[in-house]
C-alpha atoms as a PDB file:
ATOM      1  CA  MET A   1      -2.745 -18.825 -16.735  1.00  0.00           C
ATOM      2  CA  SER A   2      -1.396 -18.357 -19.527  1.00  0.00           C
ATOM      3  CA  ASP A   3      -0.639 -15.021 -20.909  1.00  0.00           C
ATOM      4  CA  VAL A   4      -3.188 -12.414 -21.531  1.00  0.00           C
ATOM      5  CA  GLN A   5      -3.094  -9.297 -23.802  1.00  0.00           C
ATOM      6  CA  ILE A   6      -5.156  -6.264 -24.282  1.00  0.00           C
ATOM      7  CA  LYS A   7      -4.405  -3.815 -27.149  1.00  0.00           C
ATOM      8  CA  VAL A   8      -6.052  -0.730 -28.073  1.00  0.00           C
ATOM      9  CA  LEU A   9      -6.535  -0.685 -31.669  1.00  0.00           C
ATOM     10  CA  ASP A  10      -7.313   2.991 -33.492  1.00  0.00           C
ATOM     11  CA  ASN A  11     -11.173   5.053 -33.480  1.00  0.00           C
ATOM     12  CA  GLY A  12     -11.946   0.736 -31.652  1.00  0.00           C
ATOM     13  CA  PRO A  13     -12.583  -0.850 -29.126  1.00  0.00           C
ATOM     14  CA  LEU A  14     -10.136  -2.686 -26.255  1.00  0.00           C
ATOM     15  CA  ARG A  15      -8.503  -5.846 -27.574  1.00  0.00           C
ATOM     16  CA  VAL A  16      -8.624  -8.486 -25.284  1.00  0.00           C
ATOM     17  CA  THR A  17      -6.496 -12.493 -25.513  1.00  0.00           C
ATOM     18  CA  GLY A  18      -5.954 -15.172 -22.714  1.00  0.00           C
ATOM     19  CA  THR A  19      -7.708 -16.109 -20.722  1.00  0.00           C
ATOM     20  CA  VAL A  20      -9.229 -13.690 -18.383  1.00  0.00           C
ATOM     21  CA  GLU A  21     -12.668 -13.605 -15.854  1.00  0.00           C
ATOM     22  CA  LEU A  22     -14.678 -10.265 -17.014  1.00  0.00           C
ATOM     23  CA  ILE A  23     -16.794  -9.690 -13.824  1.00  0.00           C
ATOM     24  CA  ASP A  24     -19.170  -7.011 -14.060  1.00  0.00           C
ATOM     25  CA  ALA A  25     -19.598  -3.947 -10.866  1.00  0.00           C
ATOM     26  CA  GLU A  26     -22.442  -6.564  -8.768  1.00  0.00           C
ATOM     27  CA  GLY A  27     -19.536  -9.655  -9.305  1.00  0.00           C
ATOM     28  CA  ASN A  28     -21.251 -11.302 -12.014  1.00  0.00           C
ATOM     29  CA  LYS A  29     -19.198 -13.501 -13.854  1.00  0.00           C
ATOM     30  CA  PHE A  30     -19.396 -12.379 -18.112  1.00  0.00           C
ATOM     31  CA  PRO A  31     -18.983 -16.315 -20.154  1.00  0.00           C
ATOM     32  CA  GLN A  32     -15.016 -16.748 -20.302  1.00  0.00           C
ATOM     33  CA  LYS A  33     -13.716 -16.547 -24.380  1.00  0.00           C
ATOM     34  CA  ALA A  34     -10.241 -16.840 -25.717  1.00  0.00           C
ATOM     35  CA  ALA A  35     -10.256 -13.994 -27.570  1.00  0.00           C
ATOM     36  CA  PHE A  36     -12.756 -10.801 -27.540  1.00  0.00           C
ATOM     37  CA  SER A  37     -13.223  -7.395 -28.266  1.00  0.00           C
ATOM     38  CA  LEU A  38     -14.442  -4.804 -25.543  1.00  0.00           C
ATOM     39  CA  CYS A  39     -15.629  -1.323 -26.458  1.00  0.00           C
ATOM     40  CA  ARG A  40     -14.374   1.931 -25.789  1.00  0.00           C
ATOM     41  CA  CYS A  41     -17.360   4.645 -27.428  1.00  0.00           C
ATOM     42  CA  GLY A  42     -20.685   3.538 -25.631  1.00  0.00           C
ATOM     43  CA  LEU A  43     -23.033   2.776 -28.315  1.00  0.00           C
ATOM     44  CA  SER A  44     -22.609  -1.173 -28.849  1.00  0.00           C
ATOM     45  CA  SER A  45     -25.466  -2.904 -28.653  1.00  0.00           C
ATOM     46  CA  LYS A  46     -23.747  -5.502 -27.069  1.00  0.00           C
ATOM     47  CA  LEU A  47     -22.388  -3.722 -24.267  1.00  0.00           C
ATOM     48  CA  PRO A  48     -19.349  -4.682 -22.376  1.00  0.00           C
ATOM     49  CA  TYR A  49     -18.636  -5.878 -26.176  1.00  0.00           C
ATOM     50  CA  CYS A  50     -18.574  -4.345 -29.557  1.00  0.00           C
ATOM     51  CA  ASP A  51     -20.271  -4.804 -32.042  1.00  0.00           C
ATOM     52  CA  GLY A  52     -18.654  -1.909 -35.291  1.00  0.00           C
ATOM     53  CA  THR A  53     -21.280   0.698 -34.016  1.00  0.00           C
ATOM     54  CA  HIS A  54     -17.839   2.750 -33.468  1.00  0.00           C
ATOM     55  CA  LYS A  55     -16.725   2.329 -36.909  1.00  0.00           C
ATOM     56  CA  THR A  56     -18.239   5.682 -38.639  1.00  0.00           C
ATOM     57  CA  GLN A  57     -18.767   7.695 -34.722  1.00  0.00           C
ATOM     58  CA  PHE A  58     -16.098   7.325 -31.848  1.00  0.00           C
ATOM     59  CA  GLU A  59     -12.324   8.437 -32.908  1.00  0.00           C
ATOM     60  CA  SER A  60      -9.675   8.083 -30.555  1.00  0.00           C
ATOM     61  CA  VAL A  61      -5.727   6.764 -30.377  1.00  0.00           C
ATOM     62  CA  VAL A  62      -3.520   6.199 -27.432  1.00  0.00           C
ATOM     63  CA  ARG A  63      -0.606   5.285 -27.755  1.00  0.00           C
ATOM     64  CA  ALA A  64       2.037   4.696 -24.701  1.00  0.00           C
ATOM     65  CA  PRO A  65       4.477   7.375 -23.492  1.00  0.00           C
ATOM     66  CA  LYS A  66       8.341   6.422 -24.997  1.00  0.00           C
ATOM     67  CA  GLU A  67      10.807   5.608 -22.385  1.00  0.00           C
ATOM     68  CA  GLU A  68      13.261   7.194 -21.213  1.00  0.00           C
ATOM     69  CA  GLU A  69      16.785   6.176 -21.947  1.00  0.00           C
END
């Protein structure tokens, strides 16, 4: 399996790169893609994928905590 990366985009979606299985609550699999963006705002017409609707209506900036030395 390839490395997978999930990047939190400022005021936007979760960008997923790498081969992963995306499965809904009933166990149904979405088609696999090498990269995709998951909606965080809940406004997308293509849920669970992002369609860009968030651009004027969603604000969220998430940062990982700094590691203590």
